[in-house]
Amino acid sequence: MRFITDEYSMPLGVFVTREATRKAVNNRPIEFSSKELMFNYAEHFIKRKFNANVDNLLNQSRLLKSVKEQKKLMQFA
């Protein structure tokens, strides 16, 4: 997720996205034992850093809905 805050005076597009990706790849990943723990961490992090409530965004996400409803290959056997 990318949040546009007051510190952005103008959209910088690809440059900002590229630099954010570079920074993320160079950092050590955080591993979670479950999706629920990952979402909990992300929700608290976003709330603390951006003072934003992401519940509505997560509930409307088509990608998350697809992941939740996706069938496993073994379900067809």
C-alpha atoms as a PDB file:
ATOM      1  CA  MET A   1       0.000   0.000   0.000  1.00  0.00           C
ATOM      2  CA  ARG A   2       1.160   3.482  -0.729  1.00  0.00           C
ATOM      3  CA  PHE A   3      -0.142   6.411   1.288  1.00  0.00           C
ATOM      4  CA  ILE A   4       0.048   9.940  -0.043  1.00  0.00           C
ATOM      5  CA  THR A   5       0.686  12.268   2.881  1.00  0.00           C
ATOM      6  CA  ASP A   6       1.188  16.010   3.280  1.00  0.00           C
ATOM      7  CA  GLU A   7       4.939  15.612   2.782  1.00  0.00           C
ATOM      8  CA  TYR A   8       4.319  15.022  -0.951  1.00  0.00           C
ATOM      9  CA  SER A   9       4.149  18.405  -2.692  1.00  0.00           C
ATOM     10  CA  MET A  10       3.714  16.783  -6.112  1.00  0.00           C
ATOM     11  CA  PRO A  11       3.326  13.209  -7.338  1.00  0.00           C
ATOM     12  CA  LEU A  12       6.675  11.740  -8.326  1.00  0.00           C
ATOM     13  CA  GLY A  13       5.316   8.518  -9.788  1.00  0.00           C
ATOM     14  CA  VAL A  14       7.737   5.824 -10.905  1.00  0.00           C
ATOM     15  CA  PHE A  15      10.773   7.281  -9.138  1.00  0.00           C
ATOM     16  CA  VAL A  16       9.155   7.037  -5.695  1.00  0.00           C
ATOM     17  CA  THR A  17       7.840   3.546  -6.389  1.00  0.00           C
ATOM     18  CA  ARG A  18      11.233   2.373  -7.684  1.00  0.00           C
ATOM     19  CA  GLU A  19      13.095   3.764  -4.671  1.00  0.00           C
ATOM     20  CA  ALA A  20      10.567   2.292  -2.223  1.00  0.00           C
ATOM     21  CA  THR A  21      10.949  -1.108  -3.912  1.00  0.00           C
ATOM     22  CA  ARG A  22      14.746  -0.842  -3.812  1.00  0.00           C
ATOM     23  CA  LYS A  23      14.636  -0.018  -0.099  1.00  0.00           C
ATOM     24  CA  ALA A  24      12.247  -2.912   0.603  1.00  0.00           C
ATOM     25  CA  VAL A  25      14.412  -5.422  -1.285  1.00  0.00           C
ATOM     26  CA  ASN A  26      17.572  -4.286   0.512  1.00  0.00           C
ATOM     27  CA  ASN A  27      16.001  -4.675   3.973  1.00  0.00           C
ATOM     28  CA  ARG A  28      15.752  -7.942   5.827  1.00  0.00           C
ATOM     29  CA  PRO A  29      12.264  -9.449   5.379  1.00  0.00           C
ATOM     30  CA  ILE A  30       9.869  -9.897   8.275  1.00  0.00           C
ATOM     31  CA  GLU A  31       8.507 -13.435   8.436  1.00  0.00           C
ATOM     32  CA  PHE A  32       5.129 -14.323   9.929  1.00  0.00           C
ATOM     33  CA  SER A  33       3.741 -17.699  10.896  1.00  0.00           C
ATOM     34  CA  SER A  34       0.285 -16.850   9.533  1.00  0.00           C
ATOM     35  CA  LYS A  35      -1.536 -14.399   7.306  1.00  0.00           C
ATOM     36  CA  GLU A  36      -3.504 -13.155  10.291  1.00  0.00           C
ATOM     37  CA  LEU A  37      -0.322 -12.127  12.121  1.00  0.00           C
ATOM     38  CA  MET A  38       0.947 -10.394   8.985  1.00  0.00           C
ATOM     39  CA  PHE A  39      -2.278  -8.417   8.559  1.00  0.00           C
ATOM     40  CA  ASN A  40      -2.274  -7.533  12.255  1.00  0.00           C
ATOM     41  CA  TYR A  41       1.293  -6.241  12.008  1.00  0.00           C
ATOM     42  CA  ALA A  42       0.539  -4.254   8.820  1.00  0.00           C
ATOM     43  CA  GLU A  43      -2.615  -2.744  10.322  1.00  0.00           C
ATOM     44  CA  HIS A  44      -0.816  -1.586  13.481  1.00  0.00           C
ATOM     45  CA  PHE A  45       2.189  -0.319  11.506  1.00  0.00           C
ATOM     46  CA  ILE A  46       0.005   1.745   9.160  1.00  0.00           C
ATOM     47  CA  LYS A  47      -2.073   3.064  12.044  1.00  0.00           C
ATOM     48  CA  ARG A  48       1.079   4.105  13.931  1.00  0.00           C
ATOM     49  CA  LYS A  49       2.998   5.570  10.981  1.00  0.00           C
ATOM     50  CA  PHE A  50       0.202   7.161   8.931  1.00  0.00           C
ATOM     51  CA  ASN A  51      -2.630   7.411  11.462  1.00  0.00           C
ATOM     52  CA  ALA A  52      -4.890   5.646   8.951  1.00  0.00           C
ATOM     53  CA  ASN A  53      -7.498   2.941   9.393  1.00  0.00           C
ATOM     54  CA  VAL A  54      -7.004   0.278   6.716  1.00  0.00           C
ATOM     55  CA  ASP A  55      -9.977  -1.929   7.598  1.00  0.00           C
ATOM     56  CA  ASN A  56     -12.069  -0.473   4.789  1.00  0.00           C
ATOM     57  CA  LEU A  57      -9.243  -0.866   2.252  1.00  0.00           C
ATOM     58  CA  LEU A  58      -8.632  -4.487   3.236  1.00  0.00           C
ATOM     59  CA  ASN A  59     -12.343  -5.307   3.108  1.00  0.00           C
ATOM     60  CA  GLN A  60     -12.664  -3.854  -0.408  1.00  0.00           C
ATOM     61  CA  SER A  61      -9.482  -5.414  -1.815  1.00  0.00           C
ATOM     62  CA  ARG A  62     -10.155  -7.622  -4.841  1.00  0.00           C
ATOM     63  CA  LEU A  63      -6.716  -9.203  -4.525  1.00  0.00           C
ATOM     64  CA  LEU A  64      -7.267 -10.284  -0.917  1.00  0.00           C
ATOM     65  CA  LYS A  65     -10.734 -11.591  -1.771  1.00  0.00           C
ATOM     66  CA  SER A  66      -9.238 -13.666  -4.581  1.00  0.00           C
ATOM     67  CA  VAL A  67      -6.527 -15.077  -2.299  1.00  0.00           C
ATOM     68  CA  LYS A  68      -9.090 -15.994   0.367  1.00  0.00           C
ATOM     69  CA  GLU A  69     -11.419 -17.698  -2.127  1.00  0.00           C
ATOM     70  CA  GLN A  70      -8.739 -19.383  -4.251  1.00  0.00           C
ATOM     71  CA  LYS A  71      -9.042 -23.145  -4.220  1.00  0.00           C
ATOM     72  CA  LYS A  72      -6.076 -25.396  -3.589  1.00  0.00           C
ATOM     73  CA  LEU A  73      -5.112 -27.917  -6.235  1.00  0.00           C
ATOM     74  CA  MET A  74      -5.819 -30.774  -3.815  1.00  0.00           C
ATOM     75  CA  GLN A  75      -9.466 -29.650  -3.550  1.00  0.00           C
ATOM     76  CA  PHE A  76     -10.040 -30.867  -7.120  1.00  0.00           C
ATOM     77  CA  ALA A  77      -8.661 -34.378  -6.513  1.00  0.00           C
END
